[in-house]
Amino acid sequence: MERDPLTERYRIGFGLVRLAGAAMSGLDLVRLSRPILETLAERAREASNLGVRSGDDVVYVDQISGSRSIVTVSWVGRRTPMHSTSNGKVLLAFAEEADRDRVLAEPLERFTDHTITDPVALRHELDAVRTRGYAQAIEELEEGLNAVAAPVRQADGRVIAALGVSGPAFRMHAVDVPRLGLLTAEAAQAVSRQLGHLDRGRVAG
Protein backbone atom coordinates (compact mmCIF):
# COMPACT_ATOMS: atom_id res chain seq x y z
CA MET A 1 0.00 0.00 0.00
CA GLU A 2 0.99 3.64 -0.51
CA ARG A 3 -0.10 6.74 1.41
CA ASP A 4 -1.18 9.74 -0.66
CA PRO A 5 0.69 12.75 0.81
CA LEU A 6 -2.13 15.13 -0.13
CA THR A 7 -5.23 13.27 1.03
CA GLU A 8 -3.44 11.08 3.61
CA ARG A 9 -5.47 8.17 2.28
CA TYR A 10 -4.00 4.79 1.38
CA ARG A 11 -4.08 3.33 -2.11
CA ILE A 12 -2.81 0.24 -3.93
CA GLY A 13 0.93 0.43 -4.55
CA PHE A 14 2.99 -0.75 -7.52
CA GLY A 15 4.16 -3.78 -5.56
CA LEU A 16 0.64 -5.20 -5.60
CA VAL A 17 0.34 -4.40 -9.29
CA ARG A 18 3.48 -6.46 -9.95
CA LEU A 19 2.07 -9.34 -7.91
CA ALA A 20 -1.16 -9.16 -9.85
CA GLY A 21 0.83 -9.25 -13.10
CA ALA A 22 2.56 -12.44 -12.04
CA ALA A 23 -0.78 -14.04 -11.28
CA MET A 24 -2.31 -12.89 -14.57
CA SER A 25 0.56 -14.45 -16.53
CA GLY A 26 -0.58 -17.85 -15.30
CA LEU A 27 -4.05 -17.48 -16.80
CA ASP A 28 -5.05 -19.37 -19.89
CA LEU A 29 -3.60 -17.19 -22.65
CA VAL A 30 -5.35 -19.15 -25.39
CA ARG A 31 -8.76 -18.75 -23.73
CA LEU A 32 -8.30 -15.02 -23.25
CA SER A 33 -7.02 -14.49 -26.79
CA ARG A 34 -9.57 -16.60 -28.67
CA PRO A 35 -12.36 -13.99 -29.08
CA ILE A 36 -9.84 -11.37 -30.21
CA LEU A 37 -8.23 -13.81 -32.64
CA GLU A 38 -11.66 -14.55 -34.09
CA THR A 39 -12.39 -10.85 -34.58
CA LEU A 40 -8.97 -10.27 -36.12
CA ALA A 41 -9.43 -13.13 -38.60
CA GLU A 42 -12.80 -11.70 -39.58
CA ARG A 43 -11.46 -8.18 -40.05
CA ALA A 44 -8.28 -9.25 -41.85
CA ARG A 45 -10.08 -11.98 -43.80
CA GLU A 46 -6.96 -14.10 -43.34
CA ALA A 47 -5.86 -16.64 -40.75
CA SER A 48 -4.91 -15.29 -37.33
CA ASN A 49 -2.63 -17.10 -34.91
CA LEU A 50 -0.98 -16.97 -31.51
CA GLY A 51 2.64 -18.01 -30.99
CA VAL A 52 4.85 -18.37 -27.93
CA ARG A 53 8.56 -18.94 -27.58
CA SER A 54 9.92 -22.42 -26.91
CA GLY A 55 13.69 -22.44 -26.73
CA ASP A 56 14.88 -20.66 -29.88
CA ASP A 57 11.72 -21.49 -31.83
CA VAL A 58 8.15 -20.26 -32.05
CA VAL A 59 5.34 -22.68 -31.21
CA TYR A 60 1.84 -21.83 -32.42
CA VAL A 61 -0.77 -22.47 -29.74
CA ASP A 62 -3.93 -21.28 -31.50
CA GLN A 63 -5.20 -20.39 -34.96
CA ILE A 64 -8.42 -19.07 -36.49
CA SER A 65 -9.06 -19.52 -40.23
CA GLY A 66 -9.80 -16.46 -42.34
CA SER A 67 -13.01 -16.03 -44.30
CA ARG A 68 -11.16 -16.35 -47.61
CA SER A 69 -9.39 -19.60 -46.74
CA ILE A 70 -10.30 -22.44 -49.08
CA VAL A 71 -7.93 -25.05 -47.70
CA THR A 72 -6.85 -24.48 -44.10
CA VAL A 73 -3.42 -25.64 -42.96
CA SER A 74 -3.19 -25.79 -39.19
CA TRP A 75 -0.03 -24.34 -37.66
CA VAL A 76 -1.04 -25.27 -34.11
CA GLY A 77 1.79 -27.20 -32.49
CA ARG A 78 4.22 -26.39 -35.29
CA ARG A 79 7.68 -25.06 -34.44
CA THR A 80 9.35 -22.46 -36.63
CA PRO A 81 12.62 -20.50 -36.33
CA MET A 82 12.37 -17.01 -34.94
CA HIS A 83 14.43 -15.21 -37.59
CA SER A 84 12.23 -16.19 -40.55
CA THR A 85 8.72 -15.58 -39.16
CA SER A 86 6.84 -12.47 -38.10
CA ASN A 87 5.86 -14.03 -34.76
CA GLY A 88 9.46 -15.02 -34.15
CA LYS A 89 10.80 -11.58 -35.02
CA VAL A 90 8.46 -10.08 -32.45
CA LEU A 91 9.63 -12.45 -29.73
CA LEU A 92 13.27 -11.90 -30.69
CA ALA A 93 12.94 -8.11 -30.97
CA PHE A 94 11.61 -7.83 -27.43
CA ALA A 95 13.86 -10.47 -25.87
CA GLU A 96 16.64 -9.58 -23.43
CA GLU A 97 19.57 -8.01 -25.28
CA ALA A 98 22.02 -10.75 -24.28
CA ASP A 99 19.61 -13.42 -25.45
CA ARG A 100 19.04 -11.62 -28.75
CA ASP A 101 22.80 -11.27 -29.27
CA ARG A 102 23.25 -14.99 -28.65
CA VAL A 103 20.64 -15.94 -31.26
CA LEU A 104 22.07 -13.50 -33.82
CA ALA A 105 25.55 -14.93 -33.28
CA GLU A 106 24.41 -18.37 -34.43
CA PRO A 107 24.12 -19.38 -38.13
CA LEU A 108 20.75 -18.30 -39.53
CA GLU A 109 19.22 -20.89 -41.84
CA ARG A 110 17.99 -19.81 -45.25
CA PHE A 111 14.53 -21.11 -46.22
CA THR A 112 13.80 -18.96 -49.29
CA ASP A 113 15.58 -16.31 -51.33
CA HIS A 114 13.93 -13.73 -49.04
CA THR A 115 15.08 -15.14 -45.70
CA ILE A 116 17.24 -12.65 -43.79
CA THR A 117 20.41 -14.51 -42.82
CA ASP A 118 22.76 -11.55 -42.34
CA PRO A 119 22.80 -10.81 -38.58
CA VAL A 120 23.44 -7.09 -39.17
CA ALA A 121 20.43 -6.82 -41.51
CA LEU A 122 18.29 -8.83 -39.09
CA ARG A 123 19.32 -6.57 -36.21
CA HIS A 124 18.13 -3.56 -38.22
CA GLU A 125 14.89 -5.41 -38.92
CA LEU A 126 14.36 -6.07 -35.20
CA ASP A 127 15.01 -2.40 -34.43
CA ALA A 128 12.25 -1.55 -36.90
CA VAL A 129 9.89 -4.01 -35.19
CA ARG A 130 10.33 -2.25 -31.86
CA THR A 131 9.82 1.15 -33.50
CA ARG A 132 6.65 0.45 -35.47
CA GLY A 133 5.11 -2.10 -33.09
CA TYR A 134 4.74 -5.04 -35.47
CA ALA A 135 6.88 -7.41 -37.53
CA GLN A 136 6.53 -8.61 -41.10
CA ALA A 137 7.78 -11.62 -43.01
CA ILE A 138 7.48 -11.44 -46.79
CA GLU A 139 7.98 -14.95 -48.17
CA GLU A 140 10.81 -15.54 -45.69
CA LEU A 141 9.76 -18.93 -44.31
CA GLU A 142 7.88 -20.26 -47.33
CA GLU A 143 7.57 -19.02 -50.90
CA GLY A 144 4.14 -17.48 -51.36
CA LEU A 145 3.45 -16.92 -47.65
CA ASN A 146 3.31 -13.44 -46.07
CA ALA A 147 2.66 -12.58 -42.44
CA VAL A 148 2.58 -9.86 -39.81
CA ALA A 149 2.66 -10.12 -36.01
CA ALA A 150 2.60 -7.91 -32.92
CA PRO A 151 3.64 -8.32 -29.28
CA VAL A 152 1.35 -9.49 -26.49
CA ARG A 153 2.42 -8.15 -23.11
CA GLN A 154 1.61 -9.19 -19.58
CA ALA A 155 0.92 -6.67 -16.80
CA ASP A 156 4.58 -5.82 -16.17
CA GLY A 157 5.16 -5.09 -19.86
CA ARG A 158 7.11 -8.22 -20.68
CA VAL A 159 6.32 -9.71 -24.11
CA ILE A 160 5.06 -13.27 -23.60
CA ALA A 161 3.50 -14.06 -27.00
CA ALA A 162 3.05 -12.83 -30.55
CA LEU A 163 -0.29 -12.47 -32.27
CA GLY A 164 -0.18 -12.72 -36.05
CA VAL A 165 -1.99 -12.77 -39.38
CA SER A 166 -0.78 -14.79 -42.35
CA GLY A 167 -1.96 -15.43 -45.88
CA PRO A 168 -0.92 -16.32 -49.41
CA ALA A 169 1.16 -13.69 -51.18
CA PHE A 170 -1.21 -13.62 -54.17
CA ARG A 171 -3.91 -12.34 -51.80
CA MET A 172 -1.99 -10.73 -48.93
CA HIS A 173 0.17 -8.35 -50.94
CA ALA A 174 3.19 -6.51 -49.59
CA VAL A 175 1.26 -3.25 -50.02
CA ASP A 176 -1.36 -4.58 -47.59
CA VAL A 177 1.20 -5.28 -44.86
CA PRO A 178 1.16 -1.85 -43.12
CA ARG A 179 -2.65 -1.89 -42.81
CA LEU A 180 -2.70 -5.47 -41.55
CA GLY A 181 0.23 -4.75 -39.25
CA LEU A 182 -1.65 -1.94 -37.53
CA LEU A 183 -4.79 -4.08 -37.33
CA THR A 184 -2.79 -6.89 -35.74
CA ALA A 185 -1.08 -4.51 -33.32
CA GLU A 186 -4.46 -3.24 -32.16
CA ALA A 187 -5.62 -6.80 -31.55
CA ALA A 188 -2.41 -7.65 -29.67
CA GLN A 189 -2.91 -4.59 -27.48
CA ALA A 190 -6.44 -5.79 -26.72
CA VAL A 191 -5.07 -9.17 -25.57
CA SER A 192 -2.43 -7.35 -23.51
CA ARG A 193 -5.15 -5.38 -21.74
CA GLN A 194 -6.85 -8.67 -20.90
CA LEU A 195 -3.58 -9.63 -19.20
CA GLY A 196 -3.50 -6.41 -17.19
CA HIS A 197 -1.13 -4.36 -19.34
CA LEU A 198 -2.22 -0.71 -19.21
CA ASP A 199 0.01 0.94 -21.83
CA ARG A 200 -2.21 2.71 -24.34
CA GLY A 201 0.52 4.16 -26.52
CA ARG A 202 -0.16 4.45 -30.25
CA VAL A 203 1.43 2.13 -32.76
CA ALA A 204 3.62 3.82 -35.36
CA GLY A 205 2.03 3.98 -38.78
C-alpha atoms as a PDB file:
ATOM      1  CA  MET A   1       0.000   0.000   0.000  1.00  0.00           C
ATOM      2  CA  GLU A   2       0.995   3.643  -0.515  1.00  0.00           C
ATOM      3  CA  ARG A   3      -0.098   6.737   1.407  1.00  0.00           C
ATOM      4  CA  ASP A   4      -1.185   9.741  -0.656  1.00  0.00           C
ATOM      5  CA  PRO A   5       0.695  12.750   0.813  1.00  0.00           C
ATOM      6  CA  LEU A   6      -2.127  15.133  -0.131  1.00  0.00           C
ATOM      7  CA  THR A   7      -5.227  13.268   1.033  1.00  0.00           C
ATOM      8  CA  GLU A   8      -3.442  11.077   3.610  1.00  0.00           C
ATOM      9  CA  ARG A   9      -5.467   8.167   2.284  1.00  0.00           C
ATOM     10  CA  TYR A  10      -4.002   4.793   1.381  1.00  0.00           C
ATOM     11  CA  ARG A  11      -4.080   3.331  -2.110  1.00  0.00           C
ATOM     12  CA  ILE A  12      -2.813   0.238  -3.932  1.00  0.00           C
ATOM     13  CA  GLY A  13       0.929   0.426  -4.552  1.00  0.00           C
ATOM     14  CA  PHE A  14       2.985  -0.746  -7.518  1.00  0.00           C
ATOM     15  CA  GLY A  15       4.157  -3.780  -5.563  1.00  0.00           C
ATOM     16  CA  LEU A  16       0.635  -5.204  -5.604  1.00  0.00           C
ATOM     17  CA  VAL A  17       0.341  -4.400  -9.294  1.00  0.00           C
ATOM     18  CA  ARG A  18       3.477  -6.458  -9.954  1.00  0.00           C
ATOM     19  CA  LEU A  19       2.075  -9.343  -7.905  1.00  0.00           C
ATOM     20  CA  ALA A  20      -1.163  -9.155  -9.854  1.00  0.00           C
ATOM     21  CA  GLY A  21       0.833  -9.254 -13.098  1.00  0.00           C
ATOM     22  CA  ALA A  22       2.561 -12.442 -12.042  1.00  0.00           C
ATOM     23  CA  ALA A  23      -0.783 -14.044 -11.279  1.00  0.00           C
ATOM     24  CA  MET A  24      -2.307 -12.888 -14.574  1.00  0.00           C
ATOM     25  CA  SER A  25       0.565 -14.445 -16.534  1.00  0.00           C
ATOM     26  CA  GLY A  26      -0.584 -17.845 -15.297  1.00  0.00           C
ATOM     27  CA  LEU A  27      -4.050 -17.477 -16.802  1.00  0.00           C
ATOM     28  CA  ASP A  28      -5.054 -19.373 -19.893  1.00  0.00           C
ATOM     29  CA  LEU A  29      -3.602 -17.193 -22.647  1.00  0.00           C
ATOM     30  CA  VAL A  30      -5.355 -19.146 -25.389  1.00  0.00           C
ATOM     31  CA  ARG A  31      -8.757 -18.755 -23.735  1.00  0.00           C
ATOM     32  CA  LEU A  32      -8.303 -15.019 -23.247  1.00  0.00           C
ATOM     33  CA  SER A  33      -7.019 -14.488 -26.786  1.00  0.00           C
ATOM     34  CA  ARG A  34      -9.566 -16.600 -28.672  1.00  0.00           C
ATOM     35  CA  PRO A  35     -12.358 -13.986 -29.076  1.00  0.00           C
ATOM     36  CA  ILE A  36      -9.844 -11.371 -30.209  1.00  0.00           C
ATOM     37  CA  LEU A  37      -8.227 -13.815 -32.636  1.00  0.00           C
ATOM     38  CA  GLU A  38     -11.661 -14.547 -34.085  1.00  0.00           C
ATOM     39  CA  THR A  39     -12.393 -10.854 -34.576  1.00  0.00           C
ATOM     40  CA  LEU A  40      -8.967 -10.269 -36.123  1.00  0.00           C
ATOM     41  CA  ALA A  41      -9.426 -13.130 -38.599  1.00  0.00           C
ATOM     42  CA  GLU A  42     -12.802 -11.699 -39.577  1.00  0.00           C
ATOM     43  CA  ARG A  43     -11.459  -8.181 -40.050  1.00  0.00           C
ATOM     44  CA  ALA A  44      -8.279  -9.248 -41.847  1.00  0.00           C
ATOM     45  CA  ARG A  45     -10.081 -11.981 -43.800  1.00  0.00           C
ATOM     46  CA  GLU A  46      -6.961 -14.100 -43.341  1.00  0.00           C
ATOM     47  CA  ALA A  47      -5.861 -16.642 -40.748  1.00  0.00           C
ATOM     48  CA  SER A  48      -4.906 -15.289 -37.334  1.00  0.00           C
ATOM     49  CA  ASN A  49      -2.628 -17.104 -34.910  1.00  0.00           C
ATOM     50  CA  LEU A  50      -0.978 -16.967 -31.512  1.00  0.00           C
ATOM     51  CA  GLY A  51       2.637 -18.011 -30.985  1.00  0.00           C
ATOM     52  CA  VAL A  52       4.853 -18.365 -27.928  1.00  0.00           C
ATOM     53  CA  ARG A  53       8.558 -18.944 -27.576  1.00  0.00           C
ATOM     54  CA  SER A  54       9.924 -22.422 -26.913  1.00  0.00           C
ATOM     55  CA  GLY A  55      13.694 -22.438 -26.735  1.00  0.00           C
ATOM     56  CA  ASP A  56      14.879 -20.661 -29.884  1.00  0.00           C
ATOM     57  CA  ASP A  57      11.716 -21.491 -31.830  1.00  0.00           C
ATOM     58  CA  VAL A  58       8.146 -20.257 -32.051  1.00  0.00           C
ATOM     59  CA  VAL A  59       5.341 -22.681 -31.213  1.00  0.00           C
ATOM     60  CA  TYR A  60       1.840 -21.829 -32.420  1.00  0.00           C
ATOM     61  CA  VAL A  61      -0.774 -22.471 -29.738  1.00  0.00           C
ATOM     62  CA  ASP A  62      -3.929 -21.278 -31.501  1.00  0.00           C
ATOM     63  CA  GLN A  63      -5.201 -20.394 -34.961  1.00  0.00           C
ATOM     64  CA  ILE A  64      -8.415 -19.067 -36.493  1.00  0.00           C
ATOM     65  CA  SER A  65      -9.065 -19.519 -40.227  1.00  0.00           C
ATOM     66  CA  GLY A  66      -9.796 -16.464 -42.337  1.00  0.00           C
ATOM     67  CA  SER A  67     -13.008 -16.026 -44.298  1.00  0.00           C
ATOM     68  CA  ARG A  68     -11.159 -16.346 -47.608  1.00  0.00           C
ATOM     69  CA  SER A  69      -9.395 -19.596 -46.740  1.00  0.00           C
ATOM     70  CA  ILE A  70     -10.299 -22.440 -49.076  1.00  0.00           C
ATOM     71  CA  VAL A  71      -7.926 -25.053 -47.698  1.00  0.00           C
ATOM     72  CA  THR A  72      -6.849 -24.479 -44.104  1.00  0.00           C
ATOM     73  CA  VAL A  73      -3.421 -25.637 -42.964  1.00  0.00           C
ATOM     74  CA  SER A  74      -3.190 -25.785 -39.186  1.00  0.00           C
ATOM     75  CA  TRP A  75      -0.029 -24.342 -37.656  1.00  0.00           C
ATOM     76  CA  VAL A  76      -1.038 -25.274 -34.113  1.00  0.00           C
ATOM     77  CA  GLY A  77       1.790 -27.202 -32.489  1.00  0.00           C
ATOM     78  CA  ARG A  78       4.218 -26.391 -35.292  1.00  0.00           C
ATOM     79  CA  ARG A  79       7.676 -25.061 -34.436  1.00  0.00           C
ATOM     80  CA  THR A  80       9.352 -22.458 -36.635  1.00  0.00           C
ATOM     81  CA  PRO A  81      12.624 -20.503 -36.335  1.00  0.00           C
ATOM     82  CA  MET A  82      12.375 -17.006 -34.938  1.00  0.00           C
ATOM     83  CA  HIS A  83      14.428 -15.210 -37.588  1.00  0.00           C
ATOM     84  CA  SER A  84      12.233 -16.194 -40.548  1.00  0.00           C
ATOM     85  CA  THR A  85       8.724 -15.582 -39.164  1.00  0.00           C
ATOM     86  CA  SER A  86       6.841 -12.470 -38.103  1.00  0.00           C
ATOM     87  CA  ASN A  87       5.857 -14.028 -34.755  1.00  0.00           C
ATOM     88  CA  GLY A  88       9.460 -15.019 -34.146  1.00  0.00           C
ATOM     89  CA  LYS A  89      10.804 -11.582 -35.022  1.00  0.00           C
ATOM     90  CA  VAL A  90       8.461 -10.076 -32.450  1.00  0.00           C
ATOM     91  CA  LEU A  91       9.634 -12.449 -29.727  1.00  0.00           C
ATOM     92  CA  LEU A  92      13.273 -11.900 -30.693  1.00  0.00           C
ATOM     93  CA  ALA A  93      12.938  -8.113 -30.971  1.00  0.00           C
ATOM     94  CA  PHE A  94      11.612  -7.833 -27.428  1.00  0.00           C
ATOM     95  CA  ALA A  95      13.864 -10.472 -25.875  1.00  0.00           C
ATOM     96  CA  GLU A  96      16.639  -9.577 -23.435  1.00  0.00           C
ATOM     97  CA  GLU A  97      19.571  -8.007 -25.284  1.00  0.00           C
ATOM     98  CA  ALA A  98      22.017 -10.747 -24.275  1.00  0.00           C
ATOM     99  CA  ASP A  99      19.609 -13.422 -25.451  1.00  0.00           C
ATOM    100  CA  ARG A 100      19.037 -11.623 -28.747  1.00  0.00           C
ATOM    101  CA  ASP A 101      22.801 -11.275 -29.272  1.00  0.00           C
ATOM    102  CA  ARG A 102      23.254 -14.995 -28.649  1.00  0.00           C
ATOM    103  CA  VAL A 103      20.638 -15.939 -31.263  1.00  0.00           C
ATOM    104  CA  LEU A 104      22.067 -13.502 -33.819  1.00  0.00           C
ATOM    105  CA  ALA A 105      25.551 -14.931 -33.280  1.00  0.00           C
ATOM    106  CA  GLU A 106      24.412 -18.371 -34.429  1.00  0.00           C
ATOM    107  CA  PRO A 107      24.122 -19.383 -38.134  1.00  0.00           C
ATOM    108  CA  LEU A 108      20.745 -18.300 -39.532  1.00  0.00           C
ATOM    109  CA  GLU A 109      19.220 -20.892 -41.836  1.00  0.00           C
ATOM    110  CA  ARG A 110      17.985 -19.808 -45.254  1.00  0.00           C
ATOM    111  CA  PHE A 111      14.527 -21.112 -46.225  1.00  0.00           C
ATOM    112  CA  THR A 112      13.804 -18.961 -49.287  1.00  0.00           C
ATOM    113  CA  ASP A 113      15.584 -16.309 -51.329  1.00  0.00           C
ATOM    114  CA  HIS A 114      13.930 -13.727 -49.038  1.00  0.00           C
ATOM    115  CA  THR A 115      15.081 -15.137 -45.697  1.00  0.00           C
ATOM    116  CA  ILE A 116      17.244 -12.652 -43.786  1.00  0.00           C
ATOM    117  CA  THR A 117      20.414 -14.508 -42.817  1.00  0.00           C
ATOM    118  CA  ASP A 118      22.764 -11.548 -42.344  1.00  0.00           C
ATOM    119  CA  PRO A 119      22.802 -10.806 -38.584  1.00  0.00           C
ATOM    120  CA  VAL A 120      23.436  -7.092 -39.165  1.00  0.00           C
ATOM    121  CA  ALA A 121      20.429  -6.823 -41.509  1.00  0.00           C
ATOM    122  CA  LEU A 122      18.291  -8.828 -39.085  1.00  0.00           C
ATOM    123  CA  ARG A 123      19.322  -6.569 -36.210  1.00  0.00           C
ATOM    124  CA  HIS A 124      18.125  -3.559 -38.216  1.00  0.00           C
ATOM    125  CA  GLU A 125      14.889  -5.408 -38.917  1.00  0.00           C
ATOM    126  CA  LEU A 126      14.356  -6.072 -35.204  1.00  0.00           C
ATOM    127  CA  ASP A 127      15.009  -2.397 -34.427  1.00  0.00           C
ATOM    128  CA  ALA A 128      12.245  -1.547 -36.903  1.00  0.00           C
ATOM    129  CA  VAL A 129       9.892  -4.011 -35.195  1.00  0.00           C
ATOM    130  CA  ARG A 130      10.331  -2.252 -31.863  1.00  0.00           C
ATOM    131  CA  THR A 131       9.822   1.154 -33.502  1.00  0.00           C
ATOM    132  CA  ARG A 132       6.654   0.452 -35.470  1.00  0.00           C
ATOM    133  CA  GLY A 133       5.114  -2.100 -33.093  1.00  0.00           C
ATOM    134  CA  TYR A 134       4.744  -5.036 -35.471  1.00  0.00           C
ATOM    135  CA  ALA A 135       6.882  -7.411 -37.529  1.00  0.00           C
ATOM    136  CA  GLN A 136       6.535  -8.607 -41.097  1.00  0.00           C
ATOM    137  CA  ALA A 137       7.782 -11.616 -43.010  1.00  0.00           C
ATOM    138  CA  ILE A 138       7.480 -11.435 -46.785  1.00  0.00           C
ATOM    139  CA  GLU A 139       7.981 -14.953 -48.174  1.00  0.00           C
ATOM    140  CA  GLU A 140      10.814 -15.542 -45.685  1.00  0.00           C
ATOM    141  CA  LEU A 141       9.756 -18.928 -44.315  1.00  0.00           C
ATOM    142  CA  GLU A 142       7.880 -20.264 -47.334  1.00  0.00           C
ATOM    143  CA  GLU A 143       7.574 -19.021 -50.896  1.00  0.00           C
ATOM    144  CA  GLY A 144       4.144 -17.477 -51.363  1.00  0.00           C
ATOM    145  CA  LEU A 145       3.448 -16.919 -47.652  1.00  0.00           C
ATOM    146  CA  ASN A 146       3.309 -13.444 -46.075  1.00  0.00           C
ATOM    147  CA  ALA A 147       2.664 -12.583 -42.442  1.00  0.00           C
ATOM    148  CA  VAL A 148       2.578  -9.859 -39.809  1.00  0.00           C
ATOM    149  CA  ALA A 149       2.664 -10.123 -36.014  1.00  0.00           C
ATOM    150  CA  ALA A 150       2.597  -7.910 -32.923  1.00  0.00           C
ATOM    151  CA  PRO A 151       3.636  -8.317 -29.279  1.00  0.00           C
ATOM    152  CA  VAL A 152       1.346  -9.494 -26.486  1.00  0.00           C
ATOM    153  CA  ARG A 153       2.420  -8.145 -23.105  1.00  0.00           C
ATOM    154  CA  GLN A 154       1.606  -9.193 -19.585  1.00  0.00           C
ATOM    155  CA  ALA A 155       0.922  -6.668 -16.802  1.00  0.00           C
ATOM    156  CA  ASP A 156       4.578  -5.824 -16.172  1.00  0.00           C
ATOM    157  CA  GLY A 157       5.161  -5.087 -19.858  1.00  0.00           C
ATOM    158  CA  ARG A 158       7.109  -8.223 -20.681  1.00  0.00           C
ATOM    159  CA  VAL A 159       6.315  -9.708 -24.107  1.00  0.00           C
ATOM    160  CA  ILE A 160       5.063 -13.271 -23.604  1.00  0.00           C
ATOM    161  CA  ALA A 161       3.501 -14.057 -26.998  1.00  0.00           C
ATOM    162  CA  ALA A 162       3.049 -12.826 -30.549  1.00  0.00           C
ATOM    163  CA  LEU A 163      -0.293 -12.470 -32.270  1.00  0.00           C
ATOM    164  CA  GLY A 164      -0.178 -12.716 -36.053  1.00  0.00           C
ATOM    165  CA  VAL A 165      -1.992 -12.766 -39.380  1.00  0.00           C
ATOM    166  CA  SER A 166      -0.776 -14.790 -42.353  1.00  0.00           C
ATOM    167  CA  GLY A 167      -1.957 -15.430 -45.878  1.00  0.00           C
ATOM    168  CA  PRO A 168      -0.915 -16.318 -49.413  1.00  0.00           C
ATOM    169  CA  ALA A 169       1.163 -13.693 -51.182  1.00  0.00           C
ATOM    170  CA  PHE A 170      -1.210 -13.617 -54.171  1.00  0.00           C
ATOM    171  CA  ARG A 171      -3.910 -12.335 -51.802  1.00  0.00           C
ATOM    172  CA  MET A 172      -1.994 -10.734 -48.926  1.00  0.00           C
ATOM    173  CA  HIS A 173       0.169  -8.351 -50.943  1.00  0.00           C
ATOM    174  CA  ALA A 174       3.190  -6.507 -49.591  1.00  0.00           C
ATOM    175  CA  VAL A 175       1.260  -3.250 -50.025  1.00  0.00           C
ATOM    176  CA  ASP A 176      -1.359  -4.582 -47.588  1.00  0.00           C
ATOM    177  CA  VAL A 177       1.200  -5.282 -44.858  1.00  0.00           C
ATOM    178  CA  PRO A 178       1.155  -1.851 -43.119  1.00  0.00           C
ATOM    179  CA  ARG A 179      -2.651  -1.895 -42.807  1.00  0.00           C
ATOM    180  CA  LEU A 180      -2.695  -5.472 -41.549  1.00  0.00           C
ATOM    181  CA  GLY A 181       0.234  -4.754 -39.249  1.00  0.00           C
ATOM    182  CA  LEU A 182      -1.645  -1.939 -37.528  1.00  0.00           C
ATOM    183  CA  LEU A 183      -4.791  -4.080 -37.332  1.00  0.00           C
ATOM    184  CA  THR A 184      -2.792  -6.887 -35.743  1.00  0.00           C
ATOM    185  CA  ALA A 185      -1.076  -4.514 -33.320  1.00  0.00           C
ATOM    186  CA  GLU A 186      -4.463  -3.236 -32.158  1.00  0.00           C
ATOM    187  CA  ALA A 187      -5.619  -6.797 -31.554  1.00  0.00           C
ATOM    188  CA  ALA A 188      -2.409  -7.651 -29.674  1.00  0.00           C
ATOM    189  CA  GLN A 189      -2.912  -4.591 -27.482  1.00  0.00           C
ATOM    190  CA  ALA A 190      -6.441  -5.794 -26.719  1.00  0.00           C
ATOM    191  CA  VAL A 191      -5.071  -9.166 -25.567  1.00  0.00           C
ATOM    192  CA  SER A 192      -2.429  -7.352 -23.514  1.00  0.00           C
ATOM    193  CA  ARG A 193      -5.150  -5.378 -21.745  1.00  0.00           C
ATOM    194  CA  GLN A 194      -6.849  -8.673 -20.900  1.00  0.00           C
ATOM    195  CA  LEU A 195      -3.580  -9.625 -19.203  1.00  0.00           C
ATOM    196  CA  GLY A 196      -3.496  -6.409 -17.193  1.00  0.00           C
ATOM    197  CA  HIS A 197      -1.134  -4.356 -19.338  1.00  0.00           C
ATOM    198  CA  LEU A 198      -2.218  -0.711 -19.214  1.00  0.00           C
ATOM    199  CA  ASP A 199       0.008   0.939 -21.834  1.00  0.00           C
ATOM    200  CA  ARG A 200      -2.205   2.706 -24.345  1.00  0.00           C
ATOM    201  CA  GLY A 201       0.517   4.161 -26.525  1.00  0.00           C
ATOM    202  CA  ARG A 202      -0.160   4.450 -30.252  1.00  0.00           C
ATOM    203  CA  VAL A 203       1.434   2.130 -32.761  1.00  0.00           C
ATOM    204  CA  ALA A 204       3.615   3.820 -35.363  1.00  0.00           C
ATOM    205  CA  GLY A 205       2.029   3.977 -38.783  1.00  0.00           C
END
